[in-house]
Amino acid sequence: MPQLNPAPWFTILIFSWLVFLIVIPPKVINHAFTNEPAPQNTEKPKSEPWNWPWY
């Protein structure tokens, strides 16, 4: 049964973890968002009270 031979599967496991730990993180860290958030105003807008009849 070939799945009991650890030689090819161990190398595939090590190589895939090296890709996950070395290649992918710099690509994710260097990702730049196209829409930078605009700074919000610190003062709250004045809200008007509702004058609905509550019945």
PDB file of N, CA and C in Angstrom:
ATOM      1  N   MET A   1       0.846  -1.181   0.000  1.00  0.00           N
ATOM      2  CA  MET A   1       0.000   0.000   0.000  1.00  0.00           C
ATOM      3  C   MET A   1       0.891   1.243   0.000  1.00  0.00           C
ATOM      4  N   PRO A   2       0.792   2.077  -1.014  1.00  0.00           N
ATOM      5  CA  PRO A   2       1.723   3.201  -1.132  1.00  0.00           C
ATOM      6  C   PRO A   2       1.486   4.312  -0.097  1.00  0.00           C
ATOM      7  N   GLN A   3       0.263   4.420   0.460  1.00  0.00           N
ATOM      8  CA  GLN A   3       0.037   5.502   1.412  1.00  0.00           C
ATOM      9  C   GLN A   3       0.740   5.251   2.746  1.00  0.00           C
ATOM     10  N   LEU A   4       1.272   4.055   2.977  1.00  0.00           N
ATOM     11  CA  LEU A   4       2.006   3.801   4.198  1.00  0.00           C
ATOM     12  C   LEU A   4       3.479   4.178   4.076  1.00  0.00           C
ATOM     13  N   ASN A   5       3.928   4.489   2.870  1.00  0.00           N
ATOM     14  CA  ASN A   5       5.312   4.920   2.673  1.00  0.00           C
ATOM     15  C   ASN A   5       5.376   6.420   2.943  1.00  0.00           C
ATOM     16  N   PRO A   6       6.039   6.875   4.023  1.00  0.00           N
ATOM     17  CA  PRO A   6       6.012   8.293   4.375  1.00  0.00           C
ATOM     18  C   PRO A   6       6.943   9.165   3.548  1.00  0.00           C
ATOM     19  N   ALA A   7       7.788   8.584   2.730  1.00  0.00           N
ATOM     20  CA  ALA A   7       8.795   9.383   2.026  1.00  0.00           C
ATOM     21  C   ALA A   7       8.191  10.465   1.125  1.00  0.00           C
ATOM     22  N   PRO A   8       7.300  10.173   0.170  1.00  0.00           N
ATOM     23  CA  PRO A   8       6.820  11.273  -0.676  1.00  0.00           C
ATOM     24  C   PRO A   8       5.867  12.206   0.066  1.00  0.00           C
ATOM     25  N   TRP A   9       5.074  11.674   0.984  1.00  0.00           N
ATOM     26  CA  TRP A   9       4.079  12.512   1.650  1.00  0.00           C
ATOM     27  C   TRP A   9       4.716  13.461   2.647  1.00  0.00           C
ATOM     28  N   PHE A  10       5.796  13.040   3.273  1.00  0.00           N
ATOM     29  CA  PHE A  10       6.476  13.926   4.219  1.00  0.00           C
ATOM     30  C   PHE A  10       7.119  15.104   3.490  1.00  0.00           C
ATOM     31  N   THR A  11       7.710  14.847   2.322  1.00  0.00           N
ATOM     32  CA  THR A  11       8.301  15.956   1.557  1.00  0.00           C
ATOM     33  C   THR A  11       7.224  16.906   1.050  1.00  0.00           C
ATOM     34  N   ILE A  12       6.083  16.366   0.643  1.00  0.00           N
ATOM     35  CA  ILE A  12       4.987  17.229   0.204  1.00  0.00           C
ATOM     36  C   ILE A  12       4.480  18.063   1.379  1.00  0.00           C
ATOM     37  N   LEU A  13       4.372  17.471   2.545  1.00  0.00           N
ATOM     38  CA  LEU A  13       3.942  18.198   3.741  1.00  0.00           C
ATOM     39  C   LEU A  13       4.914  19.318   4.085  1.00  0.00           C
ATOM     40  N   ILE A  14       6.192  19.023   4.101  1.00  0.00           N
ATOM     41  CA  ILE A  14       7.196  20.038   4.436  1.00  0.00           C
ATOM     42  C   ILE A  14       7.204  21.154   3.398  1.00  0.00           C
ATOM     43  N   PHE A  15       7.140  20.798   2.122  1.00  0.00           N
ATOM     44  CA  PHE A  15       7.151  21.814   1.063  1.00  0.00           C
ATOM     45  C   PHE A  15       5.914  22.703   1.129  1.00  0.00           C
ATOM     46  N   SER A  16       4.756  22.113   1.391  1.00  0.00           N
ATOM     47  CA  SER A  16       3.544  22.929   1.470  1.00  0.00           C
ATOM     48  C   SER A  16       3.583  23.867   2.673  1.00  0.00           C
ATOM     49  N   TRP A  17       4.135  23.411   3.817  1.00  0.00           N
ATOM     50  CA  TRP A  17       4.260  24.301   4.978  1.00  0.00           C
ATOM     51  C   TRP A  17       5.273  25.403   4.711  1.00  0.00           C
ATOM     52  N   LEU A  18       6.330  25.107   3.985  1.00  0.00           N
ATOM     53  CA  LEU A  18       7.271  26.164   3.629  1.00  0.00           C
ATOM     54  C   LEU A  18       6.616  27.213   2.744  1.00  0.00           C
ATOM     55  N   VAL A  19       5.772  26.779   1.829  1.00  0.00           N
ATOM     56  CA  VAL A  19       5.050  27.734   0.983  1.00  0.00           C
ATOM     57  C   VAL A  19       4.115  28.576   1.844  1.00  0.00           C
ATOM     58  N   PHE A  20       3.392  27.943   2.770  1.00  0.00           N
ATOM     59  CA  PHE A  20       2.462  28.682   3.618  1.00  0.00           C
ATOM     60  C   PHE A  20       3.177  29.663   4.545  1.00  0.00           C
ATOM     61  N   LEU A  21       4.366  29.303   5.020  1.00  0.00           N
ATOM     62  CA  LEU A  21       5.038  30.144   6.013  1.00  0.00           C
ATOM     63  C   LEU A  21       6.023  31.139   5.415  1.00  0.00           C
ATOM     64  N   ILE A  22       6.506  30.925   4.184  1.00  0.00           N
ATOM     65  CA  ILE A  22       7.526  31.802   3.612  1.00  0.00           C
ATOM     66  C   ILE A  22       6.997  32.599   2.424  1.00  0.00           C
ATOM     67  N   VAL A  23       6.234  31.982   1.553  1.00  0.00           N
ATOM     68  CA  VAL A  23       5.830  32.641   0.316  1.00  0.00           C
ATOM     69  C   VAL A  23       4.570  33.476   0.501  1.00  0.00           C
ATOM     70  N   ILE A  24       3.575  32.948   1.170  1.00  0.00           N
ATOM     71  CA  ILE A  24       2.273  33.616   1.244  1.00  0.00           C
ATOM     72  C   ILE A  24       2.247  34.833   2.179  1.00  0.00           C
ATOM     73  N   PRO A  25       2.845  34.817   3.382  1.00  0.00           N
ATOM     74  CA  PRO A  25       2.738  35.991   4.269  1.00  0.00           C
ATOM     75  C   PRO A  25       3.231  37.314   3.677  1.00  0.00           C
ATOM     76  N   PRO A  26       4.365  37.388   2.969  1.00  0.00           N
ATOM     77  CA  PRO A  26       4.729  38.686   2.380  1.00  0.00           C
ATOM     78  C   PRO A  26       3.723  39.185   1.356  1.00  0.00           C
ATOM     79  N   LYS A  27       3.111  38.273   0.619  1.00  0.00           N
ATOM     80  CA  LYS A  27       2.103  38.690  -0.348  1.00  0.00           C
ATOM     81  C   LYS A  27       0.873  39.256   0.350  1.00  0.00           C
ATOM     82  N   VAL A  28       0.498  38.682   1.475  1.00  0.00           N
ATOM     83  CA  VAL A  28      -0.668  39.168   2.209  1.00  0.00           C
ATOM     84  C   VAL A  28      -0.355  40.499   2.898  1.00  0.00           C
ATOM     85  N   ILE A  29       0.853  40.620   3.449  1.00  0.00           N
ATOM     86  CA  ILE A  29       1.225  41.851   4.147  1.00  0.00           C
ATOM     87  C   ILE A  29       1.344  43.022   3.175  1.00  0.00           C
ATOM     88  N   ASN A  30       1.814  42.788   1.973  1.00  0.00           N
ATOM     89  CA  ASN A  30       1.994  43.866   0.997  1.00  0.00           C
ATOM     90  C   ASN A  30       0.707  44.248   0.286  1.00  0.00           C
ATOM     91  N   HIS A  31      -0.387  43.606   0.624  1.00  0.00           N
ATOM     92  CA  HIS A  31      -1.658  43.922  -0.035  1.00  0.00           C
ATOM     93  C   HIS A  31      -2.096  45.330   0.341  1.00  0.00           C
ATOM     94  N   ALA A  32      -2.421  46.133  -0.647  1.00  0.00           N
ATOM     95  CA  ALA A  32      -2.864  47.502  -0.411  1.00  0.00           C
ATOM     96  C   ALA A  32      -4.345  47.611  -0.765  1.00  0.00           C
ATOM     97  N   PHE A  33      -5.091  48.239   0.107  1.00  0.00           N
ATOM     98  CA  PHE A  33      -6.507  48.445  -0.159  1.00  0.00           C
ATOM     99  C   PHE A  33      -6.680  49.618  -1.116  1.00  0.00           C
ATOM    100  N   THR A  34      -7.619  49.501  -2.026  1.00  0.00           N
ATOM    101  CA  THR A  34      -7.839  50.582  -2.991  1.00  0.00           C
ATOM    102  C   THR A  34      -8.638  51.722  -2.376  1.00  0.00           C
ATOM    103  N   ASN A  35      -9.511  51.429  -1.425  1.00  0.00           N
ATOM    104  CA  ASN A  35     -10.331  52.472  -0.804  1.00  0.00           C
ATOM    105  C   ASN A  35      -9.835  52.700   0.612  1.00  0.00           C
ATOM    106  N   GLU A  36      -9.060  53.741   0.809  1.00  0.00           N
ATOM    107  CA  GLU A  36      -8.629  54.077   2.159  1.00  0.00           C
ATOM    108  C   GLU A  36      -9.783  54.797   2.861  1.00  0.00           C
ATOM    109  N   PRO A  37     -10.033  54.483   4.121  1.00  0.00           N
ATOM    110  CA  PRO A  37     -11.141  55.134   4.818  1.00  0.00           C
ATOM    111  C   PRO A  37     -10.855  56.609   5.057  1.00  0.00           C
ATOM    112  N   ALA A  38     -11.874  57.424   4.866  1.00  0.00           N
ATOM    113  CA  ALA A  38     -11.745  58.863   5.099  1.00  0.00           C
ATOM    114  C   ALA A  38     -11.891  59.141   6.593  1.00  0.00           C
ATOM    115  N   PRO A  39     -11.156  60.114   7.119  1.00  0.00           N
ATOM    116  CA  PRO A  39     -11.302  60.432   8.547  1.00  0.00           C
ATOM    117  C   PRO A  39     -12.681  61.017   8.835  1.00  0.00           C
ATOM    118  N   GLN A  40     -13.267  60.552   9.910  1.00  0.00           N
ATOM    119  CA  GLN A  40     -14.604  61.002  10.285  1.00  0.00           C
ATOM    120  C   GLN A  40     -14.511  62.248  11.144  1.00  0.00           C
ATOM    121  N   ASN A  41     -15.580  63.013  11.127  1.00  0.00           N
ATOM    122  CA  ASN A  41     -15.668  64.195  11.973  1.00  0.00           C
ATOM    123  C   ASN A  41     -15.915  63.740  13.413  1.00  0.00           C
ATOM    124  N   THR A  42     -15.303  64.418  14.385  1.00  0.00           N
ATOM    125  CA  THR A  42     -15.436  63.961  15.770  1.00  0.00           C
ATOM    126  C   THR A  42     -16.724  64.434  16.429  1.00  0.00           C
ATOM    127  N   GLU A  43     -17.329  65.501  15.925  1.00  0.00           N
ATOM    128  CA  GLU A  43     -18.572  65.973  16.547  1.00  0.00           C
ATOM    129  C   GLU A  43     -19.762  65.189  16.014  1.00  0.00           C
ATOM    130  N   LYS A  44     -20.684  64.883  16.915  1.00  0.00           N
ATOM    131  CA  LYS A  44     -21.855  64.095  16.529  1.00  0.00           C
ATOM    132  C   LYS A  44     -22.896  64.990  15.856  1.00  0.00           C
ATOM    133  N   PRO A  45     -23.566  64.472  14.847  1.00  0.00           N
ATOM    134  CA  PRO A  45     -24.632  65.279  14.233  1.00  0.00           C
ATOM    135  C   PRO A  45     -25.807  65.420  15.195  1.00  0.00           C
ATOM    136  N   LYS A  46     -26.467  66.565  15.130  1.00  0.00           N
ATOM    137  CA  LYS A  46     -27.593  66.805  16.022  1.00  0.00           C
ATOM    138  C   LYS A  46     -28.797  66.024  15.510  1.00  0.00           C
ATOM    139  N   SER A  47     -29.395  65.260  16.395  1.00  0.00           N
ATOM    140  CA  SER A  47     -30.562  64.467  16.000  1.00  0.00           C
ATOM    141  C   SER A  47     -31.831  65.165  16.480  1.00  0.00           C
ATOM    142  N   GLU A  48     -32.821  65.119  15.642  1.00  0.00           N
ATOM    143  CA  GLU A  48     -34.121  65.741  15.975  1.00  0.00           C
ATOM    144  C   GLU A  48     -35.015  64.700  16.641  1.00  0.00           C
ATOM    145  N   PRO A  49     -35.780  65.081  17.669  1.00  0.00           N
ATOM    146  CA  PRO A  49     -36.691  64.114  18.290  1.00  0.00           C
ATOM    147  C   PRO A  49     -37.886  63.821  17.379  1.00  0.00           C
ATOM    148  N   TRP A  50     -38.426  62.642  17.525  1.00  0.00           N
ATOM    149  CA  TRP A  50     -39.600  62.267  16.757  1.00  0.00           C
ATOM    150  C   TRP A  50     -40.841  62.812  17.444  1.00  0.00           C
ATOM    151  N   ASN A  51     -41.757  63.313  16.665  1.00  0.00           N
ATOM    152  CA  ASN A  51     -43.022  63.775  17.242  1.00  0.00           C
ATOM    153  C   ASN A  51     -44.176  62.915  16.729  1.00  0.00           C
ATOM    154  N   TRP A  52     -43.993  61.610  16.788  1.00  0.00           N
ATOM    155  CA  TRP A  52     -45.035  60.693  16.371  1.00  0.00           C
ATOM    156  C   TRP A  52     -45.973  60.438  17.535  1.00  0.00           C
ATOM    157  N   PRO A  53     -47.249  60.295  17.250  1.00  0.00           N
ATOM    158  CA  PRO A  53     -48.173  59.899  18.331  1.00  0.00           C
ATOM    159  C   PRO A  53     -47.986  58.406  18.628  1.00  0.00           C
ATOM    160  N   TRP A  54     -47.724  58.084  19.878  1.00  0.00           N
ATOM    161  CA  TRP A  54     -47.451  56.696  20.260  1.00  0.00           C
ATOM    162  C   TRP A  54     -48.712  56.059  20.835  1.00  0.00           C
ATOM    163  N   TYR A  55     -49.663  55.821  19.992  1.00  0.00           N
ATOM    164  CA  TYR A  55     -50.870  55.097  20.430  1.00  0.00           C
ATOM    165  C   TYR A  55     -51.383  54.218  19.332  1.00  0.00           C
TER     166      TYR A  55
END
